[in-house]
Protein backbone atom coordinates (compact mmCIF):
# COMPACT_ATOMS: atom_id res chain seq x y z
CA UNK A 1 -139.05 29.43 123.37
CA UNK A 2 -139.63 31.47 120.19
CA UNK A 3 -143.12 31.02 118.76
CA UNK A 4 -143.31 29.28 115.38
CA UNK A 5 -146.26 31.10 113.86
CA UNK A 6 -146.01 29.30 110.52
CA UNK A 7 -146.23 25.93 112.25
CA UNK A 8 -149.10 27.02 114.50
CA UNK A 9 -151.66 26.83 111.72
CA UNK A 10 -152.16 30.60 111.59
CA UNK A 11 -153.71 31.61 108.28
CA UNK A 12 -153.09 35.11 107.06
CA UNK A 13 -156.31 37.01 106.29
CA UNK A 14 -157.07 37.52 102.62
CA UNK A 15 -159.41 40.50 103.01
CA UNK A 16 -157.48 43.34 104.57
CA UNK A 17 -160.04 46.13 104.26
CA UNK A 18 -157.30 48.43 102.95
CA UNK A 19 -159.74 50.80 101.31
CA UNK A 20 -161.98 51.22 104.34
CA UNK A 21 -159.42 51.77 107.07
CA UNK A 22 -157.26 54.89 107.01
CA UNK A 23 -155.62 57.20 109.46
CA UNK A 24 -157.14 60.54 110.28
CA UNK A 25 -153.95 62.50 110.80
CA UNK A 26 -151.55 63.79 108.15
CA UNK A 27 -149.14 60.87 108.26
CA UNK A 28 -146.33 59.46 110.31
CA UNK A 29 -143.72 61.96 109.15
CA UNK A 30 -145.99 64.81 107.97
CA UNK A 31 -143.94 67.45 109.78
CA UNK A 32 -141.13 67.21 107.21
CA UNK A 33 -143.25 67.71 104.07
CA UNK A 34 -145.29 70.60 102.70
CA UNK A 35 -147.77 68.41 100.81
CA UNK A 36 -149.23 64.94 101.30
CA UNK A 37 -148.05 61.91 99.40
CA UNK A 38 -149.88 61.51 96.11
CA UNK A 39 -152.40 58.64 95.99
CA UNK A 40 -150.56 56.99 93.11
CA UNK A 41 -147.26 57.21 94.99
CA UNK A 42 -148.93 55.90 98.14
CA UNK A 43 -150.17 52.84 96.32
CA UNK A 44 -146.88 52.34 94.50
CA UNK A 45 -144.76 52.46 97.65
CA UNK A 46 -147.09 50.65 100.07
CA UNK A 47 -146.22 47.10 101.06
CA UNK A 48 -148.95 46.23 103.55
CA UNK A 49 -150.85 44.11 101.05
CA UNK A 50 -148.04 41.55 101.19
CA UNK A 51 -145.88 42.29 104.25
CA UNK A 52 -148.90 41.66 106.51
CA UNK A 53 -147.49 38.09 106.51
CA UNK A 54 -144.89 39.42 108.93
CA UNK A 55 -147.48 40.72 111.43
CA UNK A 56 -147.10 38.07 114.12
CA UNK A 57 -143.32 38.10 113.79
CA UNK A 58 -143.37 41.89 114.08
CA UNK A 59 -145.35 41.57 117.31
CA UNK A 60 -142.96 38.90 118.56
CA UNK A 61 -139.98 41.20 117.94
CA UNK A 62 -141.75 44.14 119.57
CA UNK A 63 -142.42 42.15 122.74
CA UNK A 64 -138.71 41.41 123.09
CA UNK A 65 -137.65 44.96 122.22
CA UNK A 66 -140.08 46.45 124.78
CA UNK A 67 -138.92 44.07 127.51
CA UNK A 68 -135.30 44.99 126.85
CA UNK A 69 -136.13 48.73 126.91
CA UNK A 70 -137.80 48.32 130.29
CA UNK A 71 -134.96 46.23 131.72
CA UNK A 72 -132.53 48.95 130.60
CA UNK A 73 -134.74 51.65 132.21
CA UNK A 74 -135.28 53.30 128.83
CA UNK A 75 -139.05 53.00 129.24
CA UNK A 76 -141.05 52.61 132.46
CA UNK A 77 -142.33 49.24 133.64
CA UNK A 78 -145.88 50.57 133.35
CA UNK A 79 -145.22 51.38 129.69
CA UNK A 80 -144.01 47.81 129.24
CA UNK A 81 -147.17 46.42 130.80
CA UNK A 82 -149.35 48.61 128.58
CA UNK A 83 -147.38 47.67 125.47
CA UNK A 84 -147.63 43.97 126.31
CA UNK A 85 -151.35 44.26 126.84
CA UNK A 86 -151.86 46.13 123.59
CA UNK A 87 -149.69 43.78 121.55
CA UNK A 88 -151.53 40.78 122.94
CA UNK A 89 -154.84 42.25 121.77
CA UNK A 90 -153.42 43.08 118.35
CA UNK A 91 -152.10 39.54 118.02
CA UNK A 92 -155.56 38.15 118.61
CA UNK A 93 -157.06 40.58 116.12
CA UNK A 94 -154.54 39.54 113.47
CA UNK A 95 -155.10 35.81 114.08
CA UNK A 96 -158.87 36.17 113.98
CA UNK A 97 -158.79 38.32 110.84
CA UNK A 98 -160.39 41.28 112.64
CA UNK A 99 -157.38 43.60 112.33
CA UNK A 100 -158.15 46.58 110.08
CA UNK A 101 -155.23 47.12 107.74
CA UNK A 102 -154.73 50.59 106.28
CA UNK A 103 -153.04 51.40 102.99
CA UNK A 104 -152.38 54.91 104.28
CA UNK A 105 -150.15 53.41 106.97
CA UNK A 106 -147.94 51.93 104.24
CA UNK A 107 -146.60 48.78 105.89
CA UNK A 108 -147.15 46.19 108.58
CA UNK A 109 -145.00 48.05 111.12
CA UNK A 110 -146.87 51.34 111.03
CA UNK A 111 -150.24 49.59 110.99
CA UNK A 112 -149.41 47.76 114.20
CA UNK A 113 -147.82 50.80 115.82
CA UNK A 114 -150.86 52.96 115.05
CA UNK A 115 -153.24 50.37 116.48
CA UNK A 116 -151.05 49.98 119.58
CA UNK A 117 -151.07 53.74 120.16
CA UNK A 118 -154.84 53.76 119.79
CA UNK A 119 -155.13 51.02 122.39
CA UNK A 120 -152.56 52.15 125.01
CA UNK A 121 -151.79 55.79 124.23
CA UNK A 122 -148.31 57.26 124.79
CA UNK A 123 -146.84 53.92 125.81
CA UNK A 124 -147.41 52.76 122.24
CA UNK A 125 -145.48 55.76 120.93
CA UNK A 126 -142.51 54.83 123.12
CA UNK A 127 -142.17 51.33 121.67
CA UNK A 128 -140.15 52.56 118.68
CA UNK A 129 -137.45 54.05 120.93
CA UNK A 130 -134.02 52.80 119.92
CA UNK A 131 -135.06 51.10 116.71
CA UNK A 132 -135.87 51.90 113.07
CA UNK A 133 -138.11 50.25 110.56
CA UNK A 134 -134.86 49.24 108.85
CA UNK A 135 -133.67 46.93 111.62
CA UNK A 136 -137.25 46.08 112.51
CA UNK A 137 -138.12 44.63 109.10
CA UNK A 138 -134.78 42.83 108.86
CA UNK A 139 -135.59 41.17 112.18
CA UNK A 140 -139.12 40.29 111.12
CA UNK A 141 -137.91 38.65 107.91
CA UNK A 142 -135.36 36.58 109.79
CA UNK A 143 -137.98 35.45 112.32
CA UNK A 144 -140.32 34.54 109.48
CA UNK A 145 -137.64 32.70 107.51
CA UNK A 146 -136.33 30.83 110.54
CA UNK A 147 -139.82 29.54 111.18
CA UNK A 148 -140.21 28.61 107.52
CA UNK A 149 -136.91 26.71 107.51
CA UNK A 150 -138.02 24.70 110.54
CA UNK A 151 -141.31 23.81 108.88
CA UNK A 152 -139.68 22.94 105.57
CA UNK A 153 -137.14 20.70 107.28
CA UNK A 154 -140.01 18.66 108.72
CA UNK A 155 -141.67 18.42 105.32
CA UNK A 156 -138.46 17.19 103.70
CA UNK A 157 -138.23 14.54 106.41
CA UNK A 158 -141.80 13.47 105.66
CA UNK A 159 -141.03 13.15 101.95
CA UNK A 160 -137.88 11.18 102.70
CA UNK A 161 -139.94 8.81 104.82
CA UNK A 162 -142.38 8.26 101.96
CA UNK A 163 -139.46 7.46 99.65
CA UNK A 164 -138.01 5.00 102.16
CA UNK A 165 -141.37 3.30 102.64
CA UNK A 166 -141.71 2.77 98.89
CA UNK A 167 -138.09 1.75 98.42
CA UNK A 168 -138.29 -0.85 101.17
CA UNK A 169 -140.90 -2.73 99.15
CA UNK A 170 -138.78 -2.85 96.00
CA UNK A 171 -135.17 -3.73 96.83
CA UNK A 172 -135.50 -6.73 94.45
CA UNK A 173 -137.70 -5.06 91.83
CA UNK A 174 -135.45 -4.82 88.76
CA UNK A 175 -135.59 -1.96 86.31
CA UNK A 176 -133.18 -0.60 83.73
CA UNK A 177 -130.79 2.10 84.81
CA UNK A 178 -130.29 4.71 82.13
CA UNK A 179 -127.64 7.01 80.80
CA UNK A 180 -128.60 9.31 77.91
CA UNK A 181 -132.09 7.80 78.38
CA UNK A 182 -130.67 4.59 76.92
CA UNK A 183 -130.74 1.29 78.82
CA UNK A 184 -127.41 1.02 80.63
CA UNK A 185 -127.33 -1.51 83.48
CA UNK A 186 -129.88 -3.27 85.68
CA UNK A 187 -130.66 -1.64 88.99
CA UNK A 188 -133.37 -2.04 91.57
CA UNK A 189 -136.26 0.39 91.74
CA UNK A 190 -135.36 0.95 95.39
CA UNK A 191 -131.83 1.94 94.42
CA UNK A 192 -133.23 4.48 91.98
CA UNK A 193 -135.54 5.93 94.64
CA UNK A 194 -132.70 6.16 97.13
CA UNK A 195 -130.86 8.51 94.79
CA UNK A 196 -133.62 11.05 95.46
CA UNK A 197 -133.43 10.36 99.17
CA UNK A 198 -129.75 11.32 99.02
CA UNK A 199 -130.50 14.54 97.13
CA UNK A 200 -133.08 15.48 99.74
CA UNK A 201 -130.63 14.65 102.51
CA UNK A 202 -128.21 17.22 101.12
CA UNK A 203 -131.09 19.66 100.69
CA UNK A 204 -131.98 19.25 104.35
CA UNK A 205 -128.36 19.79 105.35
CA UNK A 206 -128.21 22.97 103.28
CA UNK A 207 -131.33 24.31 104.98
CA UNK A 208 -129.93 23.58 108.42
CA UNK A 209 -126.70 25.32 107.52
CA UNK A 210 -128.59 28.27 106.03
CA UNK A 211 -130.58 28.59 109.26
CA UNK A 212 -127.38 29.43 111.15
CA UNK A 213 -126.94 32.60 109.10
CA UNK A 214 -130.64 33.44 109.20
CA UNK A 215 -130.65 33.19 112.98
CA UNK A 216 -128.74 36.40 113.76
CA UNK A 217 -130.36 39.49 115.21
CA UNK A 218 -130.32 42.81 113.31
CA UNK A 219 -132.43 44.70 115.89
CA UNK A 220 -130.42 47.41 117.58
CA UNK A 221 -128.73 48.48 114.37
CA UNK A 222 -131.49 51.10 114.11
CA UNK A 223 -131.49 53.00 110.82
CA UNK A 224 -127.87 52.24 109.94
CA UNK A 225 -125.45 53.41 112.64
CA UNK A 226 -126.82 51.91 115.84
CA UNK A 227 -128.55 53.92 118.57
CA UNK A 228 -127.45 56.29 121.33
CA UNK A 229 -129.74 54.58 123.88
CA UNK A 230 -128.06 52.13 126.32
CA UNK A 231 -129.65 49.03 124.80
CA UNK A 232 -128.68 45.37 125.28
CA UNK A 233 -128.90 43.64 121.93
CA UNK A 234 -127.76 40.32 123.37
CA UNK A 235 -130.80 40.33 125.65
CA UNK A 236 -133.16 40.75 122.69
CA UNK A 237 -131.33 37.95 120.90
CA UNK A 238 -131.81 35.72 123.94
CA UNK A 239 -135.50 36.53 124.19
CA UNK A 240 -136.09 35.80 120.49
CA UNK A 241 -133.91 32.70 120.31
CA UNK A 242 -131.26 34.16 118.01
CA UNK A 243 -127.84 32.54 118.20
CA UNK A 244 -125.95 35.82 117.74
CA UNK A 245 -126.33 39.47 116.80
CA UNK A 246 -125.32 41.02 113.48
CA UNK A 247 -122.07 42.70 114.40
CA UNK A 248 -122.07 45.58 111.91
CA UNK A 249 -125.04 47.93 111.89
CA UNK A 250 -124.72 48.83 108.20
CA UNK A 251 -124.62 45.19 107.19
CA UNK A 252 -127.45 44.30 109.57
CA UNK A 253 -130.04 46.54 107.92
CA UNK A 254 -128.93 46.46 104.30
CA UNK A 255 -128.06 42.93 103.22
CA UNK A 256 -130.46 40.18 102.29
CA UNK A 257 -127.90 37.49 101.54
CA UNK A 258 -129.57 35.17 104.04
CA UNK A 259 -132.80 35.36 102.02
CA UNK A 260 -130.88 34.81 98.77
CA UNK A 261 -129.11 31.81 100.30
CA UNK A 262 -132.44 30.34 101.39
CA UNK A 263 -133.94 30.87 97.94
CA UNK A 264 -130.90 29.16 96.40
CA UNK A 265 -131.54 26.19 98.73
CA UNK A 266 -135.18 26.21 97.72
CA UNK A 267 -134.30 26.34 94.02
CA UNK A 268 -132.09 23.27 94.47
CA UNK A 269 -134.86 21.37 96.25
CA UNK A 270 -137.31 22.24 93.50
CA UNK A 271 -134.75 21.24 90.85
CA UNK A 272 -134.38 17.83 92.48
CA UNK A 273 -138.15 17.41 92.65
CA UNK A 274 -138.43 18.56 89.04
CA UNK A 275 -136.03 15.81 87.97
CA UNK A 276 -138.05 13.30 89.99
CA UNK A 277 -141.24 14.61 88.41
CA UNK A 278 -139.83 14.23 84.92
CA UNK A 279 -139.17 10.56 85.65
CA UNK A 280 -142.59 10.00 87.18
CA UNK A 281 -144.17 11.49 84.06
CA UNK A 282 -142.11 9.24 81.79
CA UNK A 283 -142.69 6.15 83.92
CA UNK A 284 -146.45 6.73 83.95
CA UNK A 285 -146.69 7.02 80.17
CA UNK A 286 -148.41 3.95 78.63
CA UNK A 287 -145.36 3.56 76.39
CA UNK A 288 -143.26 2.89 79.51
CA UNK A 289 -145.82 1.80 82.09
CA UNK A 290 -143.49 1.42 85.07
CA UNK A 291 -145.82 3.04 87.60
CA UNK A 292 -149.26 4.47 88.12
CA UNK A 293 -149.90 7.66 90.09
CA UNK A 294 -153.02 7.71 92.25
CA UNK A 295 -156.07 9.32 90.67
CA UNK A 296 -156.20 12.11 93.25
CA UNK A 297 -153.01 13.60 91.79
CA UNK A 298 -154.17 13.47 88.19
CA UNK A 299 -156.83 15.00 85.95
CA UNK A 300 -158.57 14.02 82.76
CA UNK A 301 -159.01 15.67 79.39
CA UNK A 302 -161.90 17.90 78.35
CA UNK A 303 -162.09 16.10 75.01
CA UNK A 304 -160.29 12.73 75.31
CA UNK A 305 -162.11 10.52 77.84
CA UNK A 306 -159.29 7.98 78.13
CA UNK A 307 -156.70 10.48 79.39
CA UNK A 308 -155.16 10.45 82.86
CA UNK A 309 -152.73 13.34 83.06
CA UNK A 310 -149.99 13.57 85.74
CA UNK A 311 -150.81 17.17 86.61
CA UNK A 312 -149.03 17.33 89.97
CA UNK A 313 -145.55 16.31 88.75
CA UNK A 314 -146.02 18.50 85.67
CA UNK A 315 -146.84 21.49 87.86
CA UNK A 316 -143.87 20.77 90.11
CA UNK A 317 -141.69 20.83 87.02
CA UNK A 318 -143.25 24.15 86.01
CA UNK A 319 -143.13 25.76 89.44
CA UNK A 320 -139.40 25.04 89.59
CA UNK A 321 -138.91 27.77 87.02
CA UNK A 322 -140.90 30.11 89.22
CA UNK A 323 -138.64 29.53 92.22
CA UNK A 324 -135.50 29.74 90.08
CA UNK A 325 -136.82 33.08 88.85
CA UNK A 326 -137.22 34.34 92.41
CA UNK A 327 -133.57 33.54 93.07
CA UNK A 328 -132.49 35.58 90.06
CA UNK A 329 -134.84 38.39 91.12
CA UNK A 330 -133.31 38.62 94.59
CA UNK A 331 -129.75 38.50 93.26
CA UNK A 332 -130.60 41.26 90.82
CA UNK A 333 -132.32 43.27 93.54
CA UNK A 334 -129.15 43.40 95.64
CA UNK A 335 -126.46 43.70 93.00
CA UNK A 336 -126.43 47.50 92.60
CA UNK A 337 -127.31 48.77 96.05
CA UNK A 338 -124.94 51.03 97.98
CA UNK A 339 -124.90 50.82 101.78
CA UNK A 340 -127.07 51.01 103.74
CA UNK A 341 -130.84 50.44 103.48
CA UNK A 342 -132.65 51.37 100.25
CA UNK A 343 -136.31 51.21 99.31
CA UNK A 344 -135.37 48.56 96.72
CA UNK A 345 -135.38 46.08 99.58
CA UNK A 346 -139.14 46.31 99.82
CA UNK A 347 -139.06 44.04 96.76
CA UNK A 348 -137.40 41.21 98.68
CA UNK A 349 -140.59 40.01 100.33
CA UNK A 350 -142.87 38.87 97.53
CA UNK A 351 -140.28 36.55 95.90
CA UNK A 352 -139.28 35.21 99.31
CA UNK A 353 -142.85 34.67 100.48
CA UNK A 354 -143.82 32.96 97.24
CA UNK A 355 -140.74 30.74 97.38
CA UNK A 356 -141.68 29.59 100.88
CA UNK A 357 -145.31 29.03 99.92
CA UNK A 358 -144.49 27.19 96.69
CA UNK A 359 -141.91 24.93 98.32
CA UNK A 360 -144.16 24.21 101.29
CA UNK A 361 -147.08 23.17 99.08
CA UNK A 362 -144.85 21.13 96.81
CA UNK A 363 -143.19 19.14 99.58
CA UNK A 364 -146.49 18.50 101.32
CA UNK A 365 -148.22 17.14 98.22
CA UNK A 366 -145.16 15.23 97.03
CA UNK A 367 -144.92 13.10 100.15
CA UNK A 368 -148.53 12.01 99.72
CA UNK A 369 -148.10 11.41 96.00
CA UNK A 370 -145.06 9.13 96.47
CA UNK A 371 -146.95 7.15 99.10
CA UNK A 372 -149.76 6.56 96.57
CA UNK A 373 -147.61 5.22 93.70
CA UNK A 374 -148.43 1.78 92.29
CA UNK A 375 -145.36 -0.01 90.91
CA UNK A 376 -145.50 -2.39 87.91
CA UNK A 377 -142.51 -4.74 88.35
CA UNK A 378 -143.23 -6.83 85.24
CA UNK A 379 -143.00 -3.81 82.96
CA UNK A 380 -139.76 -2.74 84.61
CA UNK A 381 -138.26 -6.20 84.14
CA UNK A 382 -139.28 -6.38 80.49
CA UNK A 383 -137.59 -3.04 79.86
CA UNK A 384 -134.41 -4.20 81.58
CA UNK A 385 -134.26 -7.16 79.22
CA UNK A 386 -134.56 -5.02 76.09
CA UNK A 387 -131.30 -3.09 75.97
CA UNK A 388 -128.51 -5.62 76.68
CA UNK A 389 -128.27 -4.24 80.19
CA UNK A 390 -125.90 -7.02 81.31
CA UNK A 391 -123.29 -6.32 78.63
CA UNK A 392 -121.01 -4.62 81.15
CA UNK A 393 -121.31 -7.68 83.40
CA UNK A 394 -120.03 -9.83 80.53
CA UNK A 395 -117.08 -7.49 80.06
CA UNK A 396 -116.31 -7.55 83.79
CA UNK A 397 -116.49 -11.36 83.70
CA UNK A 398 -113.84 -11.50 80.99
CA UNK A 399 -111.60 -9.04 82.84
CA UNK A 400 -111.79 -11.21 85.94
CA UNK A 401 -110.70 -14.13 83.73
CA UNK A 402 -107.56 -12.17 82.78
CA UNK A 403 -108.54 -10.36 79.57
CA UNK A 404 -107.54 -6.66 79.40
CA UNK A 405 -110.59 -4.43 79.75
CA UNK A 406 -110.32 -2.87 76.28
CA UNK A 407 -110.15 -6.32 74.68
CA UNK A 408 -113.11 -7.44 76.80
CA UNK A 409 -115.04 -4.33 75.76
CA UNK A 410 -114.47 -5.12 72.09
CA UNK A 411 -115.44 -8.79 72.47
CA UNK A 412 -118.71 -7.89 74.20
CA UNK A 413 -119.50 -5.22 71.59
CA UNK A 414 -119.25 -7.89 68.91
CA UNK A 415 -121.46 -10.20 70.97
CA UNK A 416 -124.09 -7.45 71.32
CA UNK A 417 -124.05 -6.87 67.55
CA UNK A 418 -124.54 -10.62 67.06
CA UNK A 419 -127.49 -10.64 69.47
CA UNK A 420 -129.03 -7.66 67.71
CA UNK A 421 -128.87 -9.48 64.40
CA UNK A 422 -130.45 -12.53 65.99
CA UNK A 423 -133.08 -10.43 67.77
CA UNK A 424 -132.29 -12.03 71.12
CA UNK A 425 -130.75 -11.19 74.50
CA UNK A 426 -127.15 -12.00 75.41
CA UNK A 427 -128.40 -14.66 77.80
CA UNK A 428 -130.14 -16.42 74.85
CA UNK A 429 -126.88 -16.98 72.94
CA UNK A 430 -125.56 -20.51 73.34
CA UNK A 431 -122.30 -21.17 75.16
CA UNK A 432 -120.61 -22.35 71.96
CA UNK A 433 -121.60 -19.19 70.15
CA UNK A 434 -120.44 -17.00 73.05
CA UNK A 435 -117.09 -18.76 73.03
CA UNK A 436 -116.60 -17.50 69.47
CA UNK A 437 -116.11 -14.08 71.01
CA UNK A 438 -113.75 -15.28 73.78
CA UNK A 439 -112.48 -18.70 74.70
CA UNK A 440 -112.43 -17.56 78.32
CA UNK A 441 -116.25 -17.80 78.55
CA UNK A 442 -117.47 -20.86 80.48
CA UNK A 443 -120.85 -22.22 81.50
CA UNK A 444 -120.96 -20.03 84.63
CA UNK A 445 -121.58 -17.03 82.33
CA UNK A 446 -125.37 -17.38 82.44
CA UNK A 447 -125.47 -16.53 86.12
CA UNK A 448 -123.51 -13.39 85.28
CA UNK A 449 -125.84 -12.49 82.43
CA UNK A 450 -129.01 -12.78 84.54
CA UNK A 451 -130.59 -9.60 85.86
CA UNK A 452 -130.49 -10.92 89.41
CA UNK A 453 -126.84 -11.85 89.07
CA UNK A 454 -126.00 -8.42 87.77
CA UNK A 455 -127.66 -6.73 90.76
CA UNK A 456 -126.07 -9.08 93.30
CA UNK A 457 -122.58 -8.46 91.91
CA UNK A 458 -122.71 -4.74 92.82
CA UNK A 459 -122.24 -5.68 96.43
CA UNK A 460 -120.52 -2.66 97.96
CA UNK A 461 -121.66 0.48 99.74
CA UNK A 462 -123.55 2.61 97.27
CA UNK A 463 -124.15 -0.34 94.95
CA UNK A 464 -127.47 -1.72 93.75
CA UNK A 465 -127.17 -5.18 95.33
CA UNK A 466 -130.39 -5.76 97.33
CA UNK A 467 -128.59 -6.25 100.63
CA UNK A 468 -126.66 -3.00 100.11
CA UNK A 469 -129.86 -1.10 99.30
CA UNK A 470 -131.55 -2.58 102.38
CA UNK A 471 -128.59 -1.42 104.48
CA UNK A 472 -128.82 2.07 102.94
CA UNK A 473 -132.51 2.23 103.82
CA UNK A 474 -131.75 1.15 107.39
CA UNK A 475 -129.05 3.82 107.74
CA UNK A 476 -131.43 6.42 106.36
CA UNK A 477 -134.15 5.52 108.84
CA UNK A 478 -131.66 5.80 111.69
CA UNK A 479 -130.62 9.27 110.51
CA UNK A 480 -134.20 10.46 110.24
CA UNK A 481 -135.03 9.10 113.67
CA UNK A 482 -132.17 11.00 115.26
CA UNK A 483 -132.39 14.23 113.27
């Protein structure tokens, strides 16, 4: 089984010792050039300060590549044993933070290759047979992203569970539903929460679908045209758990559409959480007072001692712009590149890595935050009574009595204006007064005008009736249990 390094708890080292460690020779390709690379250029073109995140995935890919080379008799079995031994030691050095990264070696691949050669000699130099850094880095990124997708899918599931747990407690807690931020119709708080569950369900589906395109092997495409060695790409794909190989060598090394697709998925997830955050912020305001967010997700003010600020949802809202920006950056990065690989693609990693890190942190904290919400049902009910939320129910009542909808709409509009002038709710108007607006109104109208009656009448799949919301929660739990 492929190793999920992101899920293993591995923490990338933060102190790389880039200034202290350097190679003693003239460089990996010094034979082609008459002068060394300028220090400024070296620093400008180096990527090891961020692509070190790929180290364990690079080692994973090298293990599979070396095994395939040996099975195809391209390298000797003794070389394979030496390479495996050296890579195992390097892996431990990386995990422990003892690996000495060198800026002079430019990127993660050359750093590992140099260390391997130091450890096992000529066998280390043979590892790069039949591959290029172009297909190597494309493979590493796909391994990294596949692992990230698997981790993120679990985090979405955890957040969905938190939403279901909270919703299950509030299928009969009535709040106003809004359009244009104006009171529209009564709904249950659970029904409102379940809308975000549904968004996350689609987000999870998108990630799973994206994973199919991530999980294709570029290795074997070499620099751009394939290799003259008798390799078996399908064997490497099998060893690394890829579902298929990239079938065109130019495409394999040069495109990053899989990373763009992932970032688009991430931007949608963050957009959904940003919308949720906006509502949490509004609901927590003393002017609304629907909920309270646990203290551990809030901060105070440096000058106003009474303040309790919803920092976490505010930051989620802000970080959404950051992830959206990464999507635009990656699209812009690719839009003008001719085939095949170009150095531009070095710039794909930082936006991708930050997108993964930001989304991971956001999902993890959000699940805990939702679990810690305190709901204030009385405030929600008061708000639902303020905006004539059952007016549509009165119109539907008249339609069911035989009145054309447009006539019913007009009659109820007049009744609402009357209630506004009286400063009362529709349910406070007497039967005689209501009958002034339509003779079809009878004494059963008050059950229709109640908040509970309004909820119960939406008794169909997708509706806000408590039994329908309970059924939706049950279906959701079944899906999560089997996914």
